[in-house]
Amino acid sequence: MTLRCPPTFKLGNLCINYYLHLKIPFSGIGNSLRADLPITISSGIVSMVKIAANLVTPPTLDLPPAYWDEGVRP
């Protein structure tokens, strides 16, 4: 099956999810079965980069304020 849509993913400020909305009508008033099923869509490409299990945050640099001032040139 080929779908022309981006894969399912979740970042800090962006999330793309897909759902299969299913409705099966039965005879009678209000006798319909409805379900929203989440589905995961992937690109099918296996990542060659190994993701570290516990990422280490680099240390904060102790730089003088003059370093950040673009107007001052030595």
C-alpha atoms as a PDB file:
ATOM      1  CA  MET A   1       0.000   0.000   0.000  1.00  0.00           C
ATOM      2  CA  THR A   2       1.301   3.456  -0.865  1.00  0.00           C
ATOM      3  CA  LEU A   3       0.204   6.549   1.042  1.00  0.00           C
ATOM      4  CA  ARG A   4       1.188  10.058   0.044  1.00  0.00           C
ATOM      5  CA  CYS A   5       1.424  11.605   3.491  1.00  0.00           C
ATOM      6  CA  PRO A   6       4.168  12.308   6.032  1.00  0.00           C
ATOM      7  CA  PRO A   7       4.896   9.596   8.599  1.00  0.00           C
ATOM      8  CA  THR A   8       3.611   9.718  12.159  1.00  0.00           C
ATOM      9  CA  PHE A   9       5.989  11.617  14.449  1.00  0.00           C
ATOM     10  CA  LYS A  10       6.123  13.666  17.613  1.00  0.00           C
ATOM     11  CA  LEU A  11       8.508  16.518  18.412  1.00  0.00           C
ATOM     12  CA  GLY A  12       8.513  19.080  21.179  1.00  0.00           C
ATOM     13  CA  ASN A  13       6.160  21.501  19.421  1.00  0.00           C
ATOM     14  CA  LEU A  14       4.761  19.443  16.517  1.00  0.00           C
ATOM     15  CA  CYS A  15       2.834  16.190  16.469  1.00  0.00           C
ATOM     16  CA  ILE A  16       1.308  14.307  13.518  1.00  0.00           C
ATOM     17  CA  ASN A  17      -1.113  11.478  14.308  1.00  0.00           C
ATOM     18  CA  TYR A  18      -3.466   9.506  12.089  1.00  0.00           C
ATOM     19  CA  TYR A  19      -6.717   7.809  13.057  1.00  0.00           C
ATOM     20  CA  LEU A  20      -8.955   5.309  11.342  1.00  0.00           C
ATOM     21  CA  HIS A  21     -12.558   6.430  11.912  1.00  0.00           C
ATOM     22  CA  LEU A  22     -14.798   3.365  11.743  1.00  0.00           C
ATOM     23  CA  LYS A  23     -18.611   3.408  11.709  1.00  0.00           C
ATOM     24  CA  ILE A  24     -20.717   0.276  11.311  1.00  0.00           C
ATOM     25  CA  PRO A  25     -24.451   1.007  11.113  1.00  0.00           C
ATOM     26  CA  PHE A  26     -26.903  -1.575  12.459  1.00  0.00           C
ATOM     27  CA  SER A  27     -30.662  -1.495  12.049  1.00  0.00           C
ATOM     28  CA  GLY A  28     -32.545   0.520  14.633  1.00  0.00           C
ATOM     29  CA  ILE A  29     -32.139   3.984  16.097  1.00  0.00           C
ATOM     30  CA  GLY A  30     -28.718   4.608  17.655  1.00  0.00           C
ATOM     31  CA  ASN A  31     -27.453   1.082  16.993  1.00  0.00           C
ATOM     32  CA  SER A  32     -24.268   2.121  15.220  1.00  0.00           C
ATOM     33  CA  LEU A  33     -20.815   1.032  16.278  1.00  0.00           C
ATOM     34  CA  ARG A  34     -18.213   3.806  16.125  1.00  0.00           C
ATOM     35  CA  ALA A  35     -14.502   3.608  16.843  1.00  0.00           C
ATOM     36  CA  ASP A  36     -11.493   5.900  16.385  1.00  0.00           C
ATOM     37  CA  LEU A  37      -8.386   3.739  16.064  1.00  0.00           C
ATOM     38  CA  PRO A  38      -4.916   5.351  16.128  1.00  0.00           C
ATOM     39  CA  ILE A  39      -2.589   4.087  13.392  1.00  0.00           C
ATOM     40  CA  THR A  40       1.156   4.519  12.981  1.00  0.00           C
ATOM     41  CA  ILE A  41       2.538   5.333   9.546  1.00  0.00           C
ATOM     42  CA  SER A  42       6.269   4.919   8.983  1.00  0.00           C
ATOM     43  CA  SER A  43       8.518   5.562   6.015  1.00  0.00           C
ATOM     44  CA  GLY A  44       9.830   1.999   6.085  1.00  0.00           C
ATOM     45  CA  ILE A  45      13.418   3.244   6.124  1.00  0.00           C
ATOM     46  CA  VAL A  46      15.591   1.824   8.875  1.00  0.00           C
ATOM     47  CA  SER A  47      17.819   4.403  10.529  1.00  0.00           C
ATOM     48  CA  MET A  48      21.535   3.690  10.286  1.00  0.00           C
ATOM     49  CA  VAL A  49      22.338   6.024  13.191  1.00  0.00           C
ATOM     50  CA  LYS A  50      22.274   4.465  16.635  1.00  0.00           C
ATOM     51  CA  ILE A  51      20.434   6.632  19.136  1.00  0.00           C
ATOM     52  CA  ALA A  52      22.106   6.867  22.519  1.00  0.00           C
ATOM     53  CA  ALA A  53      19.949   5.524  25.335  1.00  0.00           C
ATOM     54  CA  ASN A  54      20.956   8.269  27.753  1.00  0.00           C
ATOM     55  CA  LEU A  55      21.926  11.513  26.072  1.00  0.00           C
ATOM     56  CA  VAL A  56      24.326  13.754  27.987  1.00  0.00           C
ATOM     57  CA  THR A  57      23.773  17.506  27.849  1.00  0.00           C
ATOM     58  CA  PRO A  58      27.001  19.378  27.112  1.00  0.00           C
ATOM     59  CA  PRO A  59      28.208  21.706  29.882  1.00  0.00           C
ATOM     60  CA  THR A  60      27.242  25.373  29.764  1.00  0.00           C
ATOM     61  CA  LEU A  61      30.113  27.628  28.727  1.00  0.00           C
ATOM     62  CA  ASP A  62      31.100  30.421  31.107  1.00  0.00           C
ATOM     63  CA  LEU A  63      31.693  33.219  28.582  1.00  0.00           C
ATOM     64  CA  PRO A  64      32.048  36.942  29.352  1.00  0.00           C
ATOM     65  CA  PRO A  65      29.211  39.264  28.231  1.00  0.00           C
ATOM     66  CA  ALA A  66      31.529  40.870  25.655  1.00  0.00           C
ATOM     67  CA  TYR A  67      31.520  37.573  23.753  1.00  0.00           C
ATOM     68  CA  TRP A  68      27.805  37.972  22.994  1.00  0.00           C
ATOM     69  CA  ASP A  69      27.984  41.683  22.046  1.00  0.00           C
ATOM     70  CA  GLU A  70      28.243  41.817  18.248  1.00  0.00           C
ATOM     71  CA  GLY A  71      29.094  45.517  18.217  1.00  0.00           C
ATOM     72  CA  VAL A  72      32.427  45.050  20.027  1.00  0.00           C
ATOM     73  CA  ARG A  73      35.298  43.740  17.907  1.00  0.00           C
ATOM     74  CA  PRO A  74      38.795  43.245  19.330  1.00  0.00           C
END
